[in-house]
Amino acid sequence: MKHFLIVVLSLVIINTGFSQFKPIETKKNPYASTTGNLILGFFNPKNFSMSHSFNVSMLSSSYGNISLTTYTNSMNYKFNDKLSVSADVSMQYSPFASSVHGASYSNQMQKDFSGVFLSRASVDYKISDNSYLKFEYR
């Protein structure tokens, strides 16, 4: 019991003692330059938006069947109040295809419907409050 009391008293005295606090100095990197939260000095991530969609479809006819899965990434960037650009990049895959014309036709159809492509791209320019100019590729 005597040893236990000595250990407890020692821990209480040690814990109530004051320690020295030394703040951590932050060193400024002389090679770092601030870009105002811009990527590569001109790309502002606050003006960038992105959305995703996933689509699964199936087509069946008297000539055969085909299934398609499509993932589309829609990206938009607003340069300023008058100019913005947007693009839709899609990845498409056909996991199944069958045709009355034979297996080689079905395999070629699967290859033709699979791939990565630009499904839409547009440039929007606001000329005035009541008019704008839009160039779009679909």
Protein backbone atom coordinates (compact mmCIF):
# COMPACT_ATOMS: atom_id res chain seq x y z
CA MET A 1 0.00 0.00 0.00
CA LYS A 2 2.91 2.32 0.80
CA HIS A 3 4.42 1.84 -2.68
CA PHE A 4 1.06 2.44 -4.34
CA LEU A 5 0.65 5.72 -2.45
CA ILE A 6 4.15 6.86 -3.49
CA VAL A 7 3.45 6.07 -7.15
CA VAL A 8 0.11 7.93 -7.10
CA LEU A 9 1.67 10.98 -5.39
CA SER A 10 4.53 10.98 -7.89
CA LEU A 11 2.13 10.91 -10.87
CA VAL A 12 0.03 13.74 -9.41
CA ILE A 13 3.10 15.92 -8.83
CA ILE A 14 4.52 15.19 -12.30
CA ASN A 15 1.19 15.94 -14.05
CA THR A 16 0.65 19.24 -12.26
CA GLY A 17 4.10 20.55 -13.17
CA PHE A 18 4.33 23.14 -15.95
CA SER A 19 6.10 22.29 -19.15
CA GLN A 20 7.70 24.60 -21.65
CA PHE A 21 5.61 25.37 -24.74
CA LYS A 22 7.53 26.21 -27.86
CA PRO A 23 5.46 27.06 -30.93
CA ILE A 24 6.31 25.35 -34.19
CA GLU A 25 7.80 27.80 -36.63
CA THR A 26 6.45 27.66 -40.13
CA LYS A 27 9.11 28.19 -42.71
CA LYS A 28 8.11 30.08 -45.79
CA ASN A 29 9.11 28.37 -49.00
CA PRO A 30 10.94 30.94 -51.14
CA TYR A 31 10.14 28.96 -54.31
CA ALA A 32 6.37 28.80 -53.75
CA SER A 33 4.32 31.40 -55.53
CA THR A 34 0.67 32.01 -54.87
CA THR A 35 -1.70 31.76 -57.78
CA GLY A 36 -4.89 32.62 -55.89
CA ASN A 37 -6.11 28.97 -55.86
CA LEU A 38 -5.65 28.64 -59.61
CA ILE A 39 -4.42 25.43 -61.20
CA LEU A 40 -1.52 26.05 -63.61
CA GLY A 41 -2.00 29.77 -62.97
CA PHE A 42 -5.15 30.19 -65.10
CA PHE A 43 -7.64 27.37 -64.35
CA ASN A 44 -10.04 28.26 -61.51
CA PRO A 45 -11.63 25.10 -60.04
CA LYS A 46 -14.58 27.13 -58.68
CA ASN A 47 -15.73 27.74 -62.26
CA PHE A 48 -15.57 24.03 -63.19
CA SER A 49 -18.49 21.64 -62.79
CA MET A 50 -18.87 17.98 -63.66
CA SER A 51 -21.76 15.51 -63.68
CA HIS A 52 -21.99 11.82 -64.51
CA SER A 53 -24.64 9.53 -65.93
CA PHE A 54 -24.86 5.81 -66.53
CA ASN A 55 -27.28 4.20 -68.98
CA VAL A 56 -28.07 0.55 -69.71
CA SER A 57 -30.25 -0.33 -72.69
CA MET A 58 -31.33 -3.36 -74.68
CA LEU A 59 -32.63 -3.58 -78.25
CA SER A 60 -34.45 -6.62 -79.51
CA SER A 61 -35.78 -7.14 -83.02
CA SER A 62 -36.48 -9.94 -85.45
CA TYR A 63 -32.90 -9.53 -86.79
CA GLY A 64 -31.17 -9.93 -83.41
CA ASN A 65 -30.46 -8.46 -79.99
CA ILE A 66 -27.91 -6.03 -78.61
CA SER A 67 -27.27 -4.55 -75.17
CA LEU A 68 -25.42 -1.29 -74.50
CA THR A 69 -23.96 0.29 -71.38
CA THR A 70 -22.92 3.94 -71.53
CA TYR A 71 -21.12 6.15 -69.01
CA THR A 72 -21.18 9.89 -69.80
CA ASN A 73 -19.08 12.56 -68.09
CA SER A 74 -20.41 16.10 -68.64
CA MET A 75 -17.87 18.85 -67.95
CA ASN A 76 -18.54 22.61 -67.91
CA TYR A 77 -16.14 25.52 -67.44
CA LYS A 78 -17.13 29.17 -67.16
CA PHE A 79 -14.30 31.46 -68.22
CA ASN A 80 -16.22 34.62 -67.31
CA ASP A 81 -19.80 35.90 -67.30
CA LYS A 82 -19.90 35.91 -71.12
CA LEU A 83 -17.94 32.80 -72.17
CA SER A 84 -18.38 29.16 -71.18
CA VAL A 85 -17.49 25.79 -72.70
CA SER A 86 -18.91 22.33 -72.09
CA ALA A 87 -18.27 18.80 -73.31
CA ASP A 88 -19.75 15.33 -72.89
CA VAL A 89 -17.31 12.42 -73.10
CA SER A 90 -18.91 8.98 -73.26
CA MET A 91 -17.58 5.47 -72.84
CA GLN A 92 -19.80 2.82 -74.38
CA TYR A 93 -19.59 -0.96 -74.22
CA SER A 94 -21.73 -3.67 -75.75
CA PRO A 95 -21.53 -6.77 -73.53
CA PHE A 96 -23.94 -8.83 -75.66
CA ALA A 97 -24.97 -8.95 -79.30
CA SER A 98 -26.61 -11.63 -81.43
CA SER A 99 -27.70 -11.52 -85.04
CA VAL A 100 -29.46 -13.72 -87.55
CA HIS A 101 -26.54 -12.95 -89.90
CA GLY A 102 -24.08 -15.03 -87.89
CA ALA A 103 -21.53 -14.88 -85.10
CA SER A 104 -18.95 -12.83 -87.03
CA TYR A 105 -21.57 -10.12 -87.70
CA SER A 106 -22.51 -10.14 -83.98
CA ASN A 107 -18.86 -9.77 -82.92
CA GLN A 108 -18.32 -6.91 -85.37
CA MET A 109 -21.47 -5.20 -84.12
CA GLN A 110 -20.16 -5.44 -80.52
CA LYS A 111 -16.85 -3.86 -81.58
CA ASP A 112 -18.58 -1.09 -83.54
CA PHE A 113 -20.76 -0.05 -80.59
CA SER A 114 -17.90 -0.11 -78.02
CA GLY A 115 -15.47 2.76 -77.48
CA VAL A 116 -14.81 6.24 -76.13
CA PHE A 117 -16.16 9.25 -78.00
CA LEU A 118 -17.03 12.92 -77.69
CA SER A 119 -20.82 13.00 -77.80
CA ARG A 120 -21.26 16.78 -77.40
CA ALA A 121 -19.09 19.91 -77.24
CA SER A 122 -20.26 23.51 -77.09
CA VAL A 123 -18.99 27.07 -76.74
CA ASP A 124 -21.46 29.65 -75.44
CA TYR A 125 -20.85 33.38 -75.76
CA LYS A 126 -23.27 35.94 -74.36
CA ILE A 127 -23.31 38.94 -76.72
CA SER A 128 -25.77 41.04 -74.69
CA ASP A 129 -28.55 40.58 -72.14
CA ASN A 130 -30.98 39.40 -74.81
CA SER A 131 -28.75 37.50 -77.23
CA TYR A 132 -26.05 34.86 -77.24
CA LEU A 133 -24.01 32.87 -79.71
CA LYS A 134 -23.70 29.10 -79.36
CA PHE A 135 -21.44 26.73 -81.32
CA GLU A 136 -22.28 23.08 -80.68
CA TYR A 137 -21.07 19.73 -81.95
CA ARG A 138 -23.26 16.66 -81.44
